[in-house]
Amino acid sequence: MTQRLPETEGEPHADPDDGRATSAVITPKGVTALKATAPLYLAKIEEHFTRHLTNAEQRAIAIGLAKVIAAHDKPLSPEV
């Protein structure tokens, strides 16, 4: 997957703890592209996902995903 990233938007980095894995690190140009496309992306999440859930269901999903993220001692993207 990291081979498919445009070099200006992401850089592959070998995982120091697992030689089989490679992580993608977003570049400053990638952050700019992400911010530019975020409104459309978020609108589509609302259209296809969020609007079909109650507030309580959304909170339950958020709590569950926060536990998964917390279990992985690394931040997803410190630049965003």
N, C-alpha and C. Protein backbone atom coordinates (compact mmCIF):
# COMPACT_ATOMS: atom_id res chain seq x y z
N MET A 1 0.82 -1.18 0.00
CA MET A 1 0.00 0.00 0.00
C MET A 1 0.87 1.26 0.00
N THR A 2 1.96 1.25 0.76
CA THR A 2 2.80 2.45 0.81
C THR A 2 3.46 2.74 -0.53
N GLN A 3 3.58 1.73 -1.40
CA GLN A 3 4.14 1.97 -2.73
C GLN A 3 3.21 2.82 -3.58
N ARG A 4 1.95 2.89 -3.23
CA ARG A 4 0.96 3.62 -4.01
C ARG A 4 0.83 5.07 -3.59
N LEU A 5 1.49 5.48 -2.52
CA LEU A 5 1.40 6.85 -2.05
C LEU A 5 2.20 7.79 -2.95
N PRO A 6 1.61 8.93 -3.33
CA PRO A 6 2.44 9.93 -4.02
C PRO A 6 3.54 10.39 -3.07
N GLU A 7 4.75 10.51 -3.57
CA GLU A 7 5.88 10.87 -2.69
C GLU A 7 5.68 12.21 -2.00
N THR A 8 4.90 13.09 -2.60
CA THR A 8 4.68 14.40 -1.99
C THR A 8 3.70 14.36 -0.83
N GLU A 9 2.91 13.28 -0.73
CA GLU A 9 1.87 13.22 0.30
C GLU A 9 2.16 12.23 1.42
N GLY A 10 3.01 11.27 1.17
CA GLY A 10 3.32 10.30 2.21
C GLY A 10 4.68 9.68 1.98
N GLU A 11 5.31 9.30 3.07
CA GLU A 11 6.63 8.68 3.00
C GLU A 11 6.59 7.35 3.75
N PRO A 12 7.07 6.27 3.12
CA PRO A 12 7.11 4.99 3.83
C PRO A 12 8.24 4.96 4.86
N HIS A 13 7.96 4.37 6.01
CA HIS A 13 8.96 4.21 7.07
C HIS A 13 8.85 2.79 7.61
N ALA A 14 9.98 2.10 7.67
CA ALA A 14 10.01 0.75 8.22
C ALA A 14 9.67 0.80 9.70
N ASP A 15 8.91 -0.17 10.16
CA ASP A 15 8.54 -0.28 11.56
C ASP A 15 9.74 -0.85 12.32
N PRO A 16 10.29 -0.11 13.30
CA PRO A 16 11.47 -0.59 14.02
C PRO A 16 11.20 -1.83 14.87
N ASP A 17 9.93 -2.05 15.21
CA ASP A 17 9.57 -3.19 16.05
C ASP A 17 9.16 -4.42 15.26
N ASP A 18 8.90 -4.24 13.96
CA ASP A 18 8.43 -5.34 13.13
C ASP A 18 8.97 -5.14 11.72
N GLY A 19 10.02 -5.87 11.37
CA GLY A 19 10.67 -5.71 10.08
C GLY A 19 9.79 -6.03 8.89
N ARG A 20 8.66 -6.68 9.12
CA ARG A 20 7.74 -7.01 8.03
C ARG A 20 6.83 -5.84 7.70
N ALA A 21 6.70 -4.88 8.59
CA ALA A 21 5.71 -3.81 8.45
C ALA A 21 6.36 -2.51 7.99
N THR A 22 5.58 -1.75 7.26
CA THR A 22 5.97 -0.40 6.84
C THR A 22 4.80 0.52 7.15
N SER A 23 5.12 1.65 7.75
CA SER A 23 4.09 2.65 8.05
C SER A 23 4.21 3.80 7.05
N ALA A 24 3.13 4.48 6.83
CA ALA A 24 3.14 5.67 5.99
C ALA A 24 3.07 6.89 6.90
N VAL A 25 3.96 7.84 6.67
CA VAL A 25 3.98 9.08 7.44
C VAL A 25 3.58 10.20 6.50
N ILE A 26 2.59 10.96 6.90
CA ILE A 26 2.09 12.04 6.05
C ILE A 26 3.09 13.19 6.02
N THR A 27 3.29 13.76 4.84
CA THR A 27 4.19 14.90 4.66
C THR A 27 3.41 16.20 4.82
N PRO A 28 4.10 17.34 4.90
CA PRO A 28 3.38 18.62 4.97
C PRO A 28 2.43 18.82 3.78
N LYS A 29 2.85 18.42 2.58
CA LYS A 29 1.96 18.54 1.42
C LYS A 29 0.75 17.60 1.58
N GLY A 30 0.99 16.45 2.18
CA GLY A 30 -0.12 15.54 2.44
C GLY A 30 -1.11 16.12 3.43
N VAL A 31 -0.61 16.80 4.45
CA VAL A 31 -1.49 17.45 5.44
C VAL A 31 -2.34 18.51 4.73
N THR A 32 -1.72 19.29 3.85
CA THR A 32 -2.46 20.31 3.09
C THR A 32 -3.55 19.66 2.24
N ALA A 33 -3.20 18.57 1.55
CA ALA A 33 -4.18 17.86 0.72
C ALA A 33 -5.31 17.29 1.58
N LEU A 34 -4.97 16.75 2.74
CA LEU A 34 -5.97 16.21 3.65
C LEU A 34 -6.95 17.29 4.10
N LYS A 35 -6.41 18.44 4.48
CA LYS A 35 -7.26 19.53 4.93
C LYS A 35 -8.16 20.04 3.81
N ALA A 36 -7.65 20.03 2.58
CA ALA A 36 -8.44 20.50 1.44
C ALA A 36 -9.59 19.54 1.11
N THR A 37 -9.37 18.26 1.30
CA THR A 37 -10.39 17.27 0.93
C THR A 37 -11.28 16.87 2.11
N ALA A 38 -10.92 17.24 3.30
CA ALA A 38 -11.67 16.83 4.49
C ALA A 38 -13.16 17.19 4.45
N PRO A 39 -13.54 18.39 4.02
CA PRO A 39 -14.98 18.70 4.01
C PRO A 39 -15.80 17.72 3.16
N LEU A 40 -15.33 17.37 1.99
CA LEU A 40 -16.05 16.43 1.14
C LEU A 40 -16.07 15.04 1.78
N TYR A 41 -14.93 14.62 2.29
CA TYR A 41 -14.83 13.32 2.96
C TYR A 41 -15.80 13.23 4.13
N LEU A 42 -15.82 14.25 4.98
CA LEU A 42 -16.69 14.25 6.15
C LEU A 42 -18.16 14.31 5.75
N ALA A 43 -18.47 15.03 4.69
CA ALA A 43 -19.86 15.08 4.20
C ALA A 43 -20.32 13.69 3.74
N LYS A 44 -19.44 12.95 3.10
CA LYS A 44 -19.80 11.60 2.65
C LYS A 44 -19.93 10.64 3.82
N ILE A 45 -19.12 10.80 4.87
CA ILE A 45 -19.28 9.98 6.07
C ILE A 45 -20.66 10.25 6.68
N GLU A 46 -21.03 11.52 6.75
CA GLU A 46 -22.35 11.88 7.27
C GLU A 46 -23.46 11.26 6.41
N GLU A 47 -23.33 11.38 5.10
CA GLU A 47 -24.35 10.88 4.17
C GLU A 47 -24.54 9.36 4.25
N HIS A 48 -23.43 8.64 4.31
CA HIS A 48 -23.51 7.19 4.21
C HIS A 48 -23.45 6.44 5.54
N PHE A 49 -23.09 7.13 6.63
CA PHE A 49 -22.85 6.43 7.88
C PHE A 49 -23.53 7.11 9.07
N THR A 50 -23.03 8.29 9.43
CA THR A 50 -23.42 8.94 10.68
C THR A 50 -24.91 9.22 10.77
N ARG A 51 -25.52 9.65 9.69
CA ARG A 51 -26.94 10.03 9.77
C ARG A 51 -27.85 8.85 10.06
N HIS A 52 -27.33 7.64 9.92
CA HIS A 52 -28.13 6.45 10.17
C HIS A 52 -28.01 5.96 11.61
N LEU A 53 -27.21 6.66 12.42
CA LEU A 53 -26.98 6.25 13.81
C LEU A 53 -27.51 7.30 14.78
N THR A 54 -28.01 6.85 15.90
CA THR A 54 -28.41 7.79 16.95
C THR A 54 -27.15 8.36 17.61
N ASN A 55 -27.34 9.42 18.39
CA ASN A 55 -26.20 9.98 19.13
C ASN A 55 -25.59 8.94 20.07
N ALA A 56 -26.43 8.15 20.69
CA ALA A 56 -25.94 7.12 21.62
C ALA A 56 -25.11 6.07 20.87
N GLU A 57 -25.56 5.68 19.69
CA GLU A 57 -24.81 4.71 18.88
C GLU A 57 -23.47 5.30 18.43
N GLN A 58 -23.49 6.56 18.06
CA GLN A 58 -22.24 7.22 17.66
C GLN A 58 -21.25 7.27 18.83
N ARG A 59 -21.75 7.58 20.01
CA ARG A 59 -20.88 7.62 21.20
C ARG A 59 -20.31 6.24 21.51
N ALA A 60 -21.14 5.22 21.39
CA ALA A 60 -20.68 3.85 21.67
C ALA A 60 -19.56 3.45 20.70
N ILE A 61 -19.72 3.78 19.44
CA ILE A 61 -18.68 3.48 18.45
C ILE A 61 -17.41 4.25 18.78
N ALA A 62 -17.56 5.54 19.10
CA ALA A 62 -16.39 6.37 19.43
C ALA A 62 -15.64 5.83 20.64
N ILE A 63 -16.38 5.41 21.66
CA ILE A 63 -15.75 4.85 22.87
C ILE A 63 -15.00 3.56 22.52
N GLY A 64 -15.64 2.70 21.74
CA GLY A 64 -14.99 1.45 21.35
C GLY A 64 -13.73 1.68 20.53
N LEU A 65 -13.80 2.59 19.57
CA LEU A 65 -12.63 2.87 18.74
C LEU A 65 -11.52 3.56 19.54
N ALA A 66 -11.90 4.40 20.50
CA ALA A 66 -10.89 5.03 21.36
C ALA A 66 -10.11 3.99 22.15
N LYS A 67 -10.78 2.93 22.57
CA LYS A 67 -10.10 1.84 23.29
C LYS A 67 -9.11 1.13 22.37
N VAL A 68 -9.50 0.92 21.13
CA VAL A 68 -8.60 0.27 20.17
C VAL A 68 -7.37 1.15 19.93
N ILE A 69 -7.59 2.45 19.72
CA ILE A 69 -6.48 3.38 19.49
C ILE A 69 -5.56 3.42 20.71
N ALA A 70 -6.14 3.49 21.90
CA ALA A 70 -5.34 3.55 23.13
C ALA A 70 -4.50 2.30 23.32
N ALA A 71 -4.98 1.18 22.81
CA ALA A 71 -4.25 -0.08 22.95
C ALA A 71 -2.99 -0.12 22.10
N HIS A 72 -2.91 0.76 21.12
CA HIS A 72 -1.74 0.84 20.24
C HIS A 72 -0.96 2.08 20.62
N ASP A 73 0.04 1.95 21.33
CA ASP A 73 0.78 3.02 22.00
C ASP A 73 1.30 4.12 21.09
N LYS A 74 0.88 4.18 19.83
CA LYS A 74 1.39 5.20 18.90
C LYS A 74 0.25 6.09 18.43
N PRO A 75 0.51 7.41 18.32
CA PRO A 75 -0.53 8.29 17.77
C PRO A 75 -0.72 8.00 16.29
N LEU A 76 -1.94 8.17 15.79
CA LEU A 76 -2.22 7.89 14.40
C LEU A 76 -1.53 8.89 13.48
N SER A 77 -1.59 10.17 13.79
CA SER A 77 -0.95 11.18 12.97
C SER A 77 -0.78 12.44 13.78
N PRO A 78 0.40 12.70 14.29
CA PRO A 78 0.60 13.88 15.15
C PRO A 78 0.50 15.18 14.37
N GLU A 79 0.65 15.18 13.05
CA GLU A 79 0.63 16.40 12.26
C GLU A 79 -0.76 16.94 12.02
N VAL A 80 -1.78 16.09 12.11
CA VAL A 80 -3.14 16.52 11.75
C VAL A 80 -3.87 17.04 12.95
